[in-house]
Amino acid sequence: MLRREVLQALAALAAIPSAALAEDAPLQTGAGTPFNNQTVTSRARALAASDYQPRPTIPQEWQNLSYDQYRKIWFDTRNALWENTKRPHRLDVFPPGLYFPRAVEVNIIENSTASPLLFDLGVFDKSDQFPELPLNDHMGYAGLRLRADLLGGGKYTEYAVFQGASYFRGIGTGQIYGLSARGLALKTGDPMGEEFPDFTAFWVETPDPSDKSITLHALMDSPSCTGAFRFEITHGAVLDMEVEATIFARTEMSHVGIAPLTSMFLFDSTNRARFSDFRPNVHDSDGLLIHNGATEVIWRQLANPTTLQISSFTDENPKGFGLMQRKRAFSDFNDLEALYHQRPSVWITPRGDWGRGAVTLVEIPADLEIYDNVVAYWRPEEPIPAGAEHPLRYRMQWGANPPPKTPELLRVLGSAMGGRPEGGQVMVIDFENADSVPEDLSTVEITLRSSAGTTTPSILQRNPETNGPRLAFTFEPEGADVSEFRVQLRAGGAALSEIWLYRWTKTG
């Protein structure tokens, strides 16, 4: 995984004051070549017909930069593409180096012609502490950033970044970056190790002055496959990305992750006792939400286990899934720097027939918040054969609460658990309030199951702070190391709440 502090630093560099900037050296393009809607697909198909060849690297001195040194060079936003024009977007680039040893190709499309952005060290500014470094023929930019006048005040702020392997990130207006997405995940959690495909080239369509959306194409390459991607990106309170792609398999691909999301979960009220920290919660996401093909709505509470955990939720044609950040008050985190309450959730809506497979959740042990340790994706049931072309389409929405509202079901607001002096674990689940909640909670039916151990009869009461139902019970492991929990509130024989799932694991 990419280290999170680099991504956080990049966001900070976007706010460098203009007084520190160097003289203008606007981004320039080279000679163009014809471009149409099959250009990237044809290139990916041809590339897949040959053996994988890693791209050449930039000079080793750039790769050897320390984290602090890399922060001493940044893009001068006065040099952005389309600066001082009536185009509604701005495009910035990132310097190579550190965790980004290979440059990416960036092309600008206008009038059916694609022209490459020429590498120019002069588009960057740097402090006097940035070292003098050699250049070679493989120098280039490490990725790109998109900005727009999101609030209508003439200040262009960022809303999407594509940088590092096939990683990209987005935010709704007023949010800050949190979890990331990828073009494809391969062999995540496998014993032989994960494979990280790269976006090796981008093509960005020049927007018209009236365009709120922008279209970006990407070429992906890896030992197992190539891919041609198209992103139609529309900024707003919820950032919308329509994704179309075709994967070209070089080898049989038995473990493929489609629409992968990568996030961080360190602790919340379920495992707070493991960490000495002044904050009550530390996470970019606190749950995996699934609307499955059987119309069930599942909330899988995230965990930070002590050993690698992989969970699969078998399904056919899921309606959607995503990693959510439901805690939205500053007091939930009490962090003036990280501002976790302002980080986005991401919701994936499949387009077309996704067939049989499983929403897969990978939870990796972590002891620091700098590491992304949660991955969620759709894993098709059948492998993709070598030589096959696999099309896929889906919608991504980045925002505070992007999933479609299910008004008849109460959302899970949070969970907490802790040990009792006499033994056992007290588990508490808070649900939101709604008109559908019976005044007399004793009429609510409670479904509570555990795969191991025993549970006491559950107690359902109103939480005076939320006015919603709170369910509490005690769990006795009775020697079990793992237990899977399933909880749902029902009324009149119908579902009243989401299904709460949790995997409890012994910690000591």
Protein backbone atom coordinates (compact mmCIF):
# COMPACT_ATOMS: atom_id res chain seq x y z
CA MET A 1 0.00 0.00 0.00
CA LEU A 2 1.10 3.58 -0.57
CA ARG A 3 1.98 5.29 2.66
CA ARG A 4 -0.74 7.70 3.65
CA GLU A 5 1.53 10.54 4.74
CA VAL A 6 2.68 11.09 1.15
CA LEU A 7 -0.89 11.56 -0.01
CA GLN A 8 -1.57 13.89 2.90
CA ALA A 9 1.53 15.89 2.05
CA LEU A 10 0.39 16.30 -1.54
CA ALA A 11 -2.87 17.79 -0.36
CA ALA A 12 -0.92 20.19 1.86
CA LEU A 13 1.32 21.24 -1.02
CA ALA A 14 -1.74 22.41 -2.95
CA ALA A 15 -2.08 25.20 -0.39
CA ILE A 16 1.43 26.69 -0.78
CA PRO A 17 1.03 30.50 -0.62
CA SER A 18 1.46 32.32 -3.93
CA ALA A 19 4.24 34.51 -2.52
CA ALA A 20 6.47 31.44 -2.43
CA LEU A 21 5.92 30.60 -6.10
CA ALA A 22 8.43 30.95 -8.89
CA GLU A 23 8.06 32.67 -12.27
CA ASP A 24 5.36 31.33 -14.60
CA ALA A 25 6.33 28.36 -16.79
CA PRO A 26 2.98 27.05 -18.06
CA LEU A 27 2.51 23.41 -18.96
CA GLN A 28 3.26 22.84 -22.64
CA THR A 29 2.16 20.14 -25.07
CA GLY A 30 4.05 18.45 -27.88
CA ALA A 31 3.08 17.26 -31.34
CA GLY A 32 -0.35 15.64 -31.50
CA THR A 33 -1.65 12.36 -32.89
CA PRO A 34 -5.23 11.34 -33.82
CA PHE A 35 -7.48 10.18 -30.97
CA ASN A 36 -10.88 8.48 -30.96
CA ASN A 37 -12.96 6.37 -28.59
CA GLN A 38 -10.99 3.23 -29.54
CA THR A 39 -7.48 4.64 -29.15
CA VAL A 40 -6.86 3.51 -25.57
CA THR A 41 -8.70 0.20 -26.04
CA SER A 42 -6.63 -0.65 -29.11
CA ARG A 43 -3.43 0.22 -27.29
CA ALA A 44 -4.37 -1.92 -24.27
CA ARG A 45 -5.35 -4.86 -26.51
CA ALA A 46 -2.06 -4.69 -28.44
CA LEU A 47 -0.05 -4.36 -25.22
CA ALA A 48 -1.71 -7.46 -23.75
CA ALA A 49 -0.61 -9.51 -26.76
CA SER A 50 3.04 -9.16 -25.71
CA ASP A 51 4.91 -10.00 -22.51
CA TYR A 52 4.86 -7.48 -19.70
CA GLN A 53 7.77 -5.05 -19.71
CA PRO A 54 8.27 -2.70 -16.73
CA ARG A 55 8.66 0.92 -17.68
CA PRO A 56 12.10 2.53 -17.28
CA THR A 57 12.76 4.46 -14.10
CA ILE A 58 13.85 7.98 -13.34
CA PRO A 59 17.38 8.51 -11.91
CA GLN A 60 18.06 6.74 -8.64
CA GLU A 61 18.78 10.04 -6.92
CA TRP A 62 15.12 11.02 -7.35
CA GLN A 63 13.99 7.67 -5.98
CA ASN A 64 16.28 8.12 -2.94
CA LEU A 65 14.60 11.37 -1.85
CA SER A 66 13.45 11.33 1.75
CA TYR A 67 9.87 12.14 2.62
CA ASP A 68 10.90 15.57 3.95
CA GLN A 69 12.92 16.29 0.80
CA TYR A 70 10.03 15.33 -1.47
CA ARG A 71 7.86 17.88 0.31
CA LYS A 72 10.31 20.63 -0.74
CA ILE A 73 9.13 20.56 -4.35
CA TRP A 74 5.59 21.36 -5.46
CA PHE A 75 3.60 22.37 -8.50
CA ASP A 76 3.16 26.10 -9.15
CA THR A 77 -0.60 26.32 -9.72
CA ARG A 78 -0.13 29.43 -11.89
CA ASN A 79 1.31 26.99 -14.44
CA ALA A 80 -1.79 24.80 -14.52
CA LEU A 81 -3.26 23.72 -17.80
CA TRP A 82 -6.16 26.03 -18.82
CA GLU A 83 -5.07 28.70 -16.31
CA ASN A 84 -6.30 32.17 -17.35
CA THR A 85 -8.86 30.68 -19.73
CA LYS A 86 -12.64 30.30 -19.60
CA ARG A 87 -12.24 26.53 -19.23
CA PRO A 88 -14.02 25.46 -16.00
CA HIS A 89 -11.26 23.08 -14.82
CA ARG A 90 -7.55 23.27 -14.05
CA LEU A 91 -5.05 20.44 -14.40
CA ASP A 92 -1.90 20.21 -12.25
CA VAL A 93 0.90 17.64 -12.30
CA PHE A 94 3.02 16.04 -9.57
CA PRO A 95 6.82 15.73 -9.44
CA PRO A 96 8.40 12.29 -9.77
CA GLY A 97 10.50 10.72 -7.04
CA LEU A 98 10.28 8.96 -3.69
CA TYR A 99 7.45 6.39 -4.01
CA PHE A 100 6.91 7.28 -7.68
CA PRO A 101 9.94 5.95 -9.58
CA ARG A 102 8.27 5.73 -13.01
CA ALA A 103 6.76 8.63 -14.90
CA VAL A 104 3.29 8.49 -16.42
CA GLU A 105 2.36 9.76 -19.85
CA VAL A 106 -0.18 12.62 -19.79
CA ASN A 107 -1.97 13.66 -22.99
CA ILE A 108 -4.46 16.44 -23.67
CA ILE A 109 -7.24 15.81 -26.20
CA GLU A 110 -8.63 18.64 -28.30
CA ASN A 111 -10.36 18.43 -31.68
CA SER A 112 -9.76 14.65 -31.87
CA THR A 113 -6.02 15.14 -31.40
CA ALA A 114 -4.02 13.95 -28.38
CA SER A 115 -0.95 16.01 -27.50
CA PRO A 116 1.50 14.92 -24.78
CA LEU A 117 2.37 17.19 -21.87
CA LEU A 118 6.10 17.86 -22.10
CA PHE A 119 8.14 17.34 -18.94
CA ASP A 120 9.45 20.64 -17.61
CA LEU A 121 11.04 20.96 -14.19
CA GLY A 122 10.26 24.67 -14.41
CA VAL A 123 6.54 24.12 -13.72
CA PHE A 124 7.50 23.28 -10.13
CA ASP A 125 8.70 25.50 -7.35
CA LYS A 126 11.03 24.25 -4.64
CA SER A 127 12.68 25.43 -1.49
CA ASP A 128 16.41 25.98 -1.15
CA GLN A 129 16.55 22.68 0.77
CA PHE A 130 15.61 20.63 -2.28
CA PRO A 131 18.78 19.03 -3.70
CA GLU A 132 20.08 19.41 -7.25
CA LEU A 133 19.31 16.14 -9.02
CA PRO A 134 20.23 14.68 -12.42
CA LEU A 135 17.68 14.20 -15.20
CA ASN A 136 17.42 11.40 -17.76
CA ASP A 137 15.32 10.58 -20.82
CA HIS A 138 12.69 8.87 -18.67
CA MET A 139 11.74 11.88 -16.58
CA GLY A 140 8.07 12.73 -16.44
CA TYR A 141 5.23 13.58 -14.14
CA ALA A 142 4.05 11.25 -11.37
CA GLY A 143 0.34 11.93 -11.77
CA LEU A 144 -2.27 14.65 -12.10
CA ARG A 145 -4.72 16.67 -10.06
CA LEU A 146 -8.01 18.27 -11.14
CA ARG A 147 -9.33 21.54 -9.72
CA ALA A 148 -12.43 23.69 -10.26
CA ASP A 149 -14.20 26.71 -8.78
CA LEU A 150 -16.26 24.54 -6.43
CA LEU A 151 -17.75 27.32 -4.30
CA GLY A 152 -18.20 29.99 -6.97
CA GLY A 153 -15.74 32.47 -5.46
CA GLY A 154 -13.06 32.26 -8.14
CA LYS A 155 -10.76 30.01 -6.10
CA TYR A 156 -9.96 26.75 -7.87
CA THR A 157 -9.72 23.88 -5.39
CA GLU A 158 -8.98 20.24 -6.04
CA TYR A 159 -11.55 17.48 -6.29
CA ALA A 160 -9.69 14.49 -7.76
CA VAL A 161 -6.15 13.07 -7.90
CA PHE A 162 -4.68 10.22 -9.96
CA GLN A 163 -1.26 9.20 -8.68
CA GLY A 164 0.64 6.03 -7.80
CA ALA A 165 -0.02 2.56 -9.31
CA SER A 166 -3.70 2.68 -10.32
CA TYR A 167 -4.75 4.70 -7.27
CA PHE A 168 -7.09 7.68 -7.49
CA ARG A 169 -9.06 9.73 -4.98
CA GLY A 170 -11.97 12.13 -4.98
CA ILE A 171 -13.90 14.36 -2.58
CA GLY A 172 -17.23 16.09 -2.44
CA THR A 173 -17.18 19.87 -2.13
CA GLY A 174 -15.92 20.93 1.31
CA GLN A 175 -14.39 17.57 2.19
CA ILE A 176 -10.78 16.46 2.56
CA TYR A 177 -9.14 13.36 1.11
CA GLY A 178 -9.50 10.05 2.90
CA LEU A 179 -9.97 6.63 1.36
CA SER A 180 -8.65 5.77 -2.13
CA ALA A 181 -9.88 3.78 -5.10
CA ARG A 182 -7.94 1.72 -7.63
CA GLY A 183 -8.42 0.69 -11.22
CA LEU A 184 -8.08 -2.98 -10.30
CA ALA A 185 -6.97 -5.11 -7.34
CA LEU A 186 -5.15 -8.38 -8.01
CA LYS A 187 -4.43 -11.15 -5.50
CA THR A 188 -5.22 -8.97 -2.47
CA GLY A 189 -4.41 -10.91 0.70
CA ASP A 190 -3.01 -13.91 -1.24
CA PRO A 191 -0.02 -15.70 0.34
CA MET A 192 2.08 -15.19 -2.81
CA GLY A 193 1.69 -11.43 -2.52
CA GLU A 194 -0.44 -8.74 -4.13
CA GLU A 195 0.03 -7.42 -7.67
CA PHE A 196 -0.40 -3.69 -8.23
CA PRO A 197 -1.31 -2.66 -11.78
CA ASP A 198 -0.17 0.79 -12.93
CA PHE A 199 -1.95 3.53 -14.81
CA THR A 200 0.87 4.23 -17.27
CA ALA A 201 -0.81 6.88 -19.45
CA PHE A 202 -3.68 9.35 -19.22
CA TRP A 203 -5.66 11.25 -21.84
CA VAL A 204 -7.72 14.23 -20.61
CA GLU A 205 -10.42 15.72 -22.82
CA THR A 206 -10.33 19.52 -23.00
CA PRO A 207 -13.57 20.78 -21.44
CA ASP A 208 -15.83 23.37 -23.00
CA PRO A 209 -16.47 26.54 -20.96
CA SER A 210 -19.92 25.25 -19.98
CA ASP A 211 -18.77 21.77 -18.88
CA LYS A 212 -19.11 20.83 -15.22
CA SER A 213 -17.83 17.34 -16.04
CA ILE A 214 -14.45 16.29 -17.36
CA THR A 215 -13.52 13.04 -19.10
CA LEU A 216 -10.27 11.19 -18.46
CA HIS A 217 -8.99 8.02 -20.14
CA ALA A 218 -6.33 5.77 -18.63
CA LEU A 219 -4.16 2.89 -19.83
CA MET A 220 -3.39 0.22 -17.23
CA ASP A 221 -0.59 -2.34 -17.36
CA SER A 222 0.61 -5.19 -15.13
CA PRO A 223 2.11 -8.67 -15.45
CA SER A 224 -1.38 -10.24 -15.43
CA CYS A 225 -3.34 -7.86 -17.63
CA THR A 226 -3.80 -4.53 -19.33
CA GLY A 227 -6.83 -2.26 -19.19
CA ALA A 228 -8.51 0.64 -20.94
CA PHE A 229 -10.46 2.96 -18.61
CA ARG A 230 -12.75 5.92 -19.15
CA PHE A 231 -13.78 8.20 -16.27
CA GLU A 232 -16.49 10.83 -16.60
CA ILE A 233 -16.07 12.99 -13.51
CA THR A 234 -18.61 15.52 -12.24
CA HIS A 235 -17.75 17.55 -9.14
CA GLY A 236 -20.30 18.66 -6.56
CA ALA A 237 -21.43 18.01 -2.98
CA VAL A 238 -21.25 14.39 -4.10
CA LEU A 239 -18.45 13.79 -6.62
CA ASP A 240 -19.74 11.51 -9.37
CA MET A 241 -17.55 9.21 -11.47
CA GLU A 242 -18.94 7.03 -14.25
CA VAL A 243 -16.35 4.33 -14.96
CA GLU A 244 -16.15 2.16 -18.08
CA ALA A 245 -13.27 -0.26 -18.62
CA THR A 246 -12.15 -3.31 -20.53
CA ILE A 247 -9.61 -5.68 -18.96
CA PHE A 248 -7.36 -7.72 -21.28
CA ALA A 249 -6.00 -10.80 -19.51
CA ARG A 250 -2.39 -11.85 -20.22
CA THR A 251 -2.72 -14.80 -17.85
CA GLU A 252 -5.65 -16.54 -16.19
CA MET A 253 -6.84 -14.19 -13.46
CA SER A 254 -8.39 -16.16 -10.61
CA HIS A 255 -8.39 -13.43 -7.94
CA VAL A 256 -9.63 -10.15 -9.40
CA GLY A 257 -10.93 -7.19 -7.38
CA ILE A 258 -13.31 -4.93 -9.34
CA ALA A 259 -14.05 -1.38 -8.13
CA PRO A 260 -11.59 -1.73 -5.22
CA LEU A 261 -11.61 0.74 -2.34
CA THR A 262 -8.74 1.13 0.14
CA SER A 263 -9.15 2.79 3.52
CA MET A 264 -7.90 3.02 7.09
CA PHE A 265 -9.51 1.81 10.31
CA LEU A 266 -7.38 1.98 13.45
CA PHE A 267 -9.90 2.03 16.30
CA ASP A 268 -13.35 3.03 17.50
CA SER A 269 -15.47 2.10 20.51
CA THR A 270 -15.23 -1.60 19.65
CA ASN A 271 -11.44 -1.79 20.18
CA ARG A 272 -10.59 1.51 21.89
CA ALA A 273 -8.88 -0.22 24.84
CA ARG A 274 -6.02 -1.43 22.59
CA PHE A 275 -4.74 2.10 21.91
CA SER A 276 -3.40 4.85 24.12
CA ASP A 277 -4.72 7.93 22.32
CA PHE A 278 -6.51 11.15 23.25
CA ARG A 279 -9.03 10.68 20.41
CA PRO A 280 -12.18 8.55 20.76
CA ASN A 281 -12.02 7.25 17.15
CA VAL A 282 -9.40 7.10 14.39
CA HIS A 283 -10.56 5.92 10.98
CA ASP A 284 -11.32 7.02 7.42
CA SER A 285 -14.18 4.52 7.23
CA ASP A 286 -16.11 2.67 9.92
CA GLY A 287 -18.22 0.22 7.93
CA LEU A 288 -18.77 -1.71 4.73
CA LEU A 289 -22.31 -1.17 3.42
CA ILE A 290 -23.82 -3.68 0.99
CA HIS A 291 -27.15 -3.63 -0.88
CA ASN A 292 -27.16 -7.19 -2.16
CA GLY A 293 -29.04 -8.76 -5.03
CA ALA A 294 -31.59 -10.20 -2.58
CA THR A 295 -32.44 -6.57 -1.53
CA GLU A 296 -30.90 -7.01 1.94
CA VAL A 297 -29.04 -4.01 3.36
CA ILE A 298 -25.97 -5.09 5.33
CA TRP A 299 -23.76 -2.98 7.57
CA ARG A 300 -20.48 -4.79 8.29
CA GLN A 301 -18.75 -2.99 11.14
CA LEU A 302 -15.03 -2.65 10.36
CA ALA A 303 -12.39 -4.08 12.67
CA ASN A 304 -8.63 -3.85 13.13
CA PRO A 305 -7.79 -7.49 13.82
CA THR A 306 -4.55 -8.86 15.20
CA THR A 307 -4.24 -11.23 12.22
CA LEU A 308 -5.22 -10.87 8.56
CA GLN A 309 -8.98 -11.36 8.10
CA ILE A 310 -10.81 -11.89 4.79
CA SER A 311 -14.62 -11.90 4.61
CA SER A 312 -16.67 -12.78 1.53
CA PHE A 313 -20.32 -11.86 1.03
CA THR A 314 -21.55 -14.10 -1.78
CA ASP A 315 -24.03 -12.44 -4.10
CA GLU A 316 -25.43 -12.20 -7.61
CA ASN A 317 -25.79 -8.83 -9.32
CA PRO A 318 -25.32 -6.66 -6.21
CA LYS A 319 -27.20 -3.37 -6.16
CA GLY A 320 -24.23 -1.59 -4.60
CA PHE A 321 -21.51 -1.53 -1.95
CA GLY A 322 -19.09 0.92 -0.42
CA LEU A 323 -16.90 1.95 2.49
CA MET A 324 -18.68 4.48 4.68
CA GLN A 325 -17.68 7.11 7.19
CA ARG A 326 -20.84 7.58 9.27
CA LYS A 327 -19.39 9.52 12.18
CA ARG A 328 -19.68 13.18 11.11
CA ALA A 329 -19.25 15.30 14.26
CA PHE A 330 -15.90 16.82 15.22
CA SER A 331 -16.40 15.41 18.72
CA ASP A 332 -16.44 11.90 17.23
CA PHE A 333 -12.68 12.27 16.56
CA ASN A 334 -11.55 15.40 18.45
CA ASP A 335 -8.73 15.86 15.90
CA LEU A 336 -7.95 19.39 14.67
CA GLU A 337 -5.41 18.19 12.11
CA ALA A 338 -6.70 14.97 10.56
CA LEU A 339 -10.37 16.12 10.46
CA TYR A 340 -11.62 12.58 10.00
CA HIS A 341 -15.23 13.79 10.23
CA GLN A 342 -14.78 15.55 6.88
CA ARG A 343 -13.54 12.53 4.93
CA PRO A 344 -15.73 10.98 2.24
CA SER A 345 -17.63 7.76 1.96
CA VAL A 346 -17.65 6.03 -1.45
CA TRP A 347 -20.56 4.15 -2.95
CA ILE A 348 -20.26 1.78 -5.94
CA THR A 349 -23.30 1.17 -8.15
CA PRO A 350 -22.76 -1.65 -10.66
CA ARG A 351 -23.87 -1.06 -14.25
CA GLY A 352 -25.05 -4.01 -16.31
CA ASP A 353 -24.81 -7.69 -15.34
CA TRP A 354 -22.06 -8.43 -12.83
CA GLY A 355 -23.18 -12.04 -12.40
CA ARG A 356 -22.18 -14.19 -9.44
CA GLY A 357 -19.34 -13.36 -7.10
CA ALA A 358 -18.70 -11.84 -3.69
CA VAL A 359 -18.18 -8.46 -2.11
CA THR A 360 -14.85 -9.12 -0.41
CA LEU A 361 -13.47 -7.34 2.64
CA VAL A 362 -9.81 -7.58 3.63
CA GLU A 363 -8.82 -6.29 7.09
CA ILE A 364 -5.09 -6.04 7.82
CA PRO A 365 -3.63 -5.51 11.31
CA ALA A 366 -2.31 -1.97 11.83
CA ASP A 367 -0.82 -0.14 14.79
CA LEU A 368 -0.51 3.31 13.19
CA GLU A 369 -2.96 5.46 11.22
CA ILE A 370 -0.44 6.10 8.40
CA TYR A 371 -1.26 2.71 6.89
CA ASP A 372 -4.27 1.82 4.77
CA ASN A 373 -5.39 -1.53 6.17
CA VAL A 374 -8.89 -2.07 4.75
CA VAL A 375 -9.73 -3.15 1.19
CA ALA A 376 -13.19 -3.84 -0.27
CA TYR A 377 -14.00 -4.98 -3.81
CA TRP A 378 -16.20 -7.20 -5.98
CA ARG A 379 -14.64 -10.58 -6.79
CA PRO A 380 -16.23 -12.42 -9.74
CA GLU A 381 -16.94 -16.10 -9.10
CA GLU A 382 -15.37 -17.27 -12.36
CA PRO A 383 -11.72 -16.58 -13.27
CA ILE A 384 -10.97 -14.41 -16.28
CA PRO A 385 -9.24 -16.73 -18.80
CA ALA A 386 -5.94 -15.79 -20.42
CA GLY A 387 -6.59 -13.90 -23.64
CA ALA A 388 -10.10 -12.86 -22.60
CA GLU A 389 -11.54 -9.35 -22.72
CA HIS A 390 -13.60 -8.49 -19.64
CA PRO A 391 -15.78 -5.33 -19.84
CA LEU A 392 -17.01 -3.62 -16.70
CA ARG A 393 -19.04 -0.53 -15.84
CA TYR A 394 -19.93 1.11 -12.55
CA ARG A 395 -20.69 4.43 -10.90
CA MET A 396 -18.68 5.86 -8.01
CA GLN A 397 -20.03 8.52 -5.67
CA TRP A 398 -17.78 10.31 -3.18
CA GLY A 399 -19.49 12.27 -0.41
CA ALA A 400 -20.69 12.47 3.18
CA ASN A 401 -23.54 10.00 2.63
CA PRO A 402 -23.64 8.97 -1.03
CA PRO A 403 -25.64 5.68 -0.94
CA PRO A 404 -29.26 5.84 -2.05
CA LYS A 405 -31.45 6.33 1.00
CA THR A 406 -33.48 3.34 2.13
CA PRO A 407 -36.16 5.14 4.18
CA GLU A 408 -37.81 2.02 5.57
CA LEU A 409 -34.59 0.76 7.19
CA LEU A 410 -32.88 2.26 10.23
CA ARG A 411 -29.17 2.89 9.71
CA VAL A 412 -26.58 1.69 12.19
CA LEU A 413 -25.04 4.77 13.82
CA GLY A 414 -22.27 3.04 15.73
CA SER A 415 -21.17 0.15 17.89
CA ALA A 416 -19.26 -0.25 21.12
CA MET A 417 -18.00 -3.12 23.19
CA GLY A 418 -15.94 -3.81 26.26
CA GLY A 419 -15.19 -6.39 28.91
CA ARG A 420 -17.15 -6.94 32.11
CA PRO A 421 -15.37 -7.54 35.45
CA GLU A 422 -17.29 -10.79 35.86
CA GLY A 423 -16.37 -11.90 32.34
CA GLY A 424 -17.81 -11.63 28.88
CA GLN A 425 -18.10 -8.75 26.43
CA VAL A 426 -20.87 -6.16 26.49
CA MET A 427 -21.90 -5.28 22.91
CA VAL A 428 -23.94 -2.17 22.13
CA ILE A 429 -25.44 -1.15 18.77
CA ASP A 430 -27.09 2.24 18.16
CA PHE A 431 -29.67 2.67 15.39
CA GLU A 432 -30.98 5.97 14.04
CA ASN A 433 -34.44 7.27 14.88
CA ALA A 434 -37.25 7.39 12.30
CA ASP A 435 -41.04 7.49 12.11
CA SER A 436 -41.01 3.75 11.49
CA VAL A 437 -39.73 3.05 15.03
CA PRO A 438 -42.64 1.82 17.20
CA GLU A 439 -43.34 3.94 20.26
CA ASP A 440 -43.36 0.75 22.30
CA LEU A 441 -39.97 -0.85 21.70
CA SER A 442 -41.12 -4.07 23.32
CA THR A 443 -43.01 -4.82 20.09
CA VAL A 444 -39.76 -4.81 18.08
CA GLU A 445 -38.50 -8.26 17.15
CA ILE A 446 -34.75 -8.83 17.59
CA THR A 447 -32.74 -11.25 15.48
CA LEU A 448 -29.43 -12.02 17.17
CA ARG A 449 -27.13 -14.83 16.09
CA SER A 450 -23.54 -15.73 16.87
CA SER A 451 -21.50 -18.50 15.31
CA ALA A 452 -19.70 -19.35 18.55
CA GLY A 453 -20.05 -18.71 22.26
CA THR A 454 -23.30 -17.66 23.90
CA THR A 455 -25.23 -14.40 24.22
CA THR A 456 -27.53 -13.14 26.96
CA PRO A 457 -31.06 -11.99 26.12
CA SER A 458 -30.78 -8.61 24.39
CA ILE A 459 -32.15 -5.34 25.80
CA LEU A 460 -33.63 -2.67 23.49
CA GLN A 461 -33.94 0.87 24.88
CA ARG A 462 -34.12 4.39 23.51
CA ASN A 463 -30.87 6.31 23.46
CA PRO A 464 -31.81 9.74 24.90
CA GLU A 465 -29.17 11.47 22.74
CA THR A 466 -30.27 10.05 19.37
CA ASN A 467 -33.84 9.06 20.37
CA GLY A 468 -33.21 5.92 18.35
CA PRO A 469 -33.12 2.31 19.56
CA ARG A 470 -30.05 0.97 21.34
CA LEU A 471 -29.53 -2.78 21.51
CA ALA A 472 -27.28 -4.27 24.19
CA PHE A 473 -26.30 -7.82 25.06
CA THR A 474 -23.42 -9.75 26.64
CA PHE A 475 -21.31 -12.22 24.71
CA GLU A 476 -19.48 -15.11 26.40
CA PRO A 477 -16.77 -16.52 24.06
CA GLU A 478 -16.54 -19.79 26.01
CA GLY A 479 -13.10 -20.50 24.58
CA ALA A 480 -13.88 -19.39 21.02
CA ASP A 481 -11.24 -17.44 19.10
CA VAL A 482 -13.68 -16.09 16.47
CA SER A 483 -17.41 -15.47 16.37
CA GLU A 484 -19.55 -14.01 13.58
CA PHE A 485 -22.50 -11.87 14.69
CA ARG A 486 -25.69 -11.03 12.81
CA VAL A 487 -28.23 -8.61 14.30
CA GLN A 488 -31.38 -7.04 12.87
CA LEU A 489 -34.44 -5.26 14.24
CA ARG A 490 -37.78 -6.27 12.74
CA ALA A 491 -41.36 -5.04 13.16
CA GLY A 492 -44.53 -6.77 12.02
CA GLY A 493 -42.48 -9.51 10.36
CA ALA A 494 -40.61 -7.03 8.12
CA ALA A 495 -37.09 -5.62 8.37
CA LEU A 496 -36.91 -2.45 10.48
CA SER A 497 -33.13 -1.93 10.40
CA GLU A 498 -30.06 -2.75 8.40
CA ILE A 499 -28.41 -6.07 9.15
CA TRP A 500 -25.46 -5.52 11.50
CA LEU A 501 -22.59 -7.94 10.95
CA TYR A 502 -19.40 -8.13 12.98
CA ARG A 503 -16.51 -10.57 13.27
CA TRP A 504 -15.29 -10.72 16.85
CA THR A 505 -11.76 -12.08 17.28
CA LYS A 506 -9.88 -12.90 20.44
CA THR A 507 -7.13 -10.35 21.10
CA GLY A 508 -5.15 -11.94 23.88
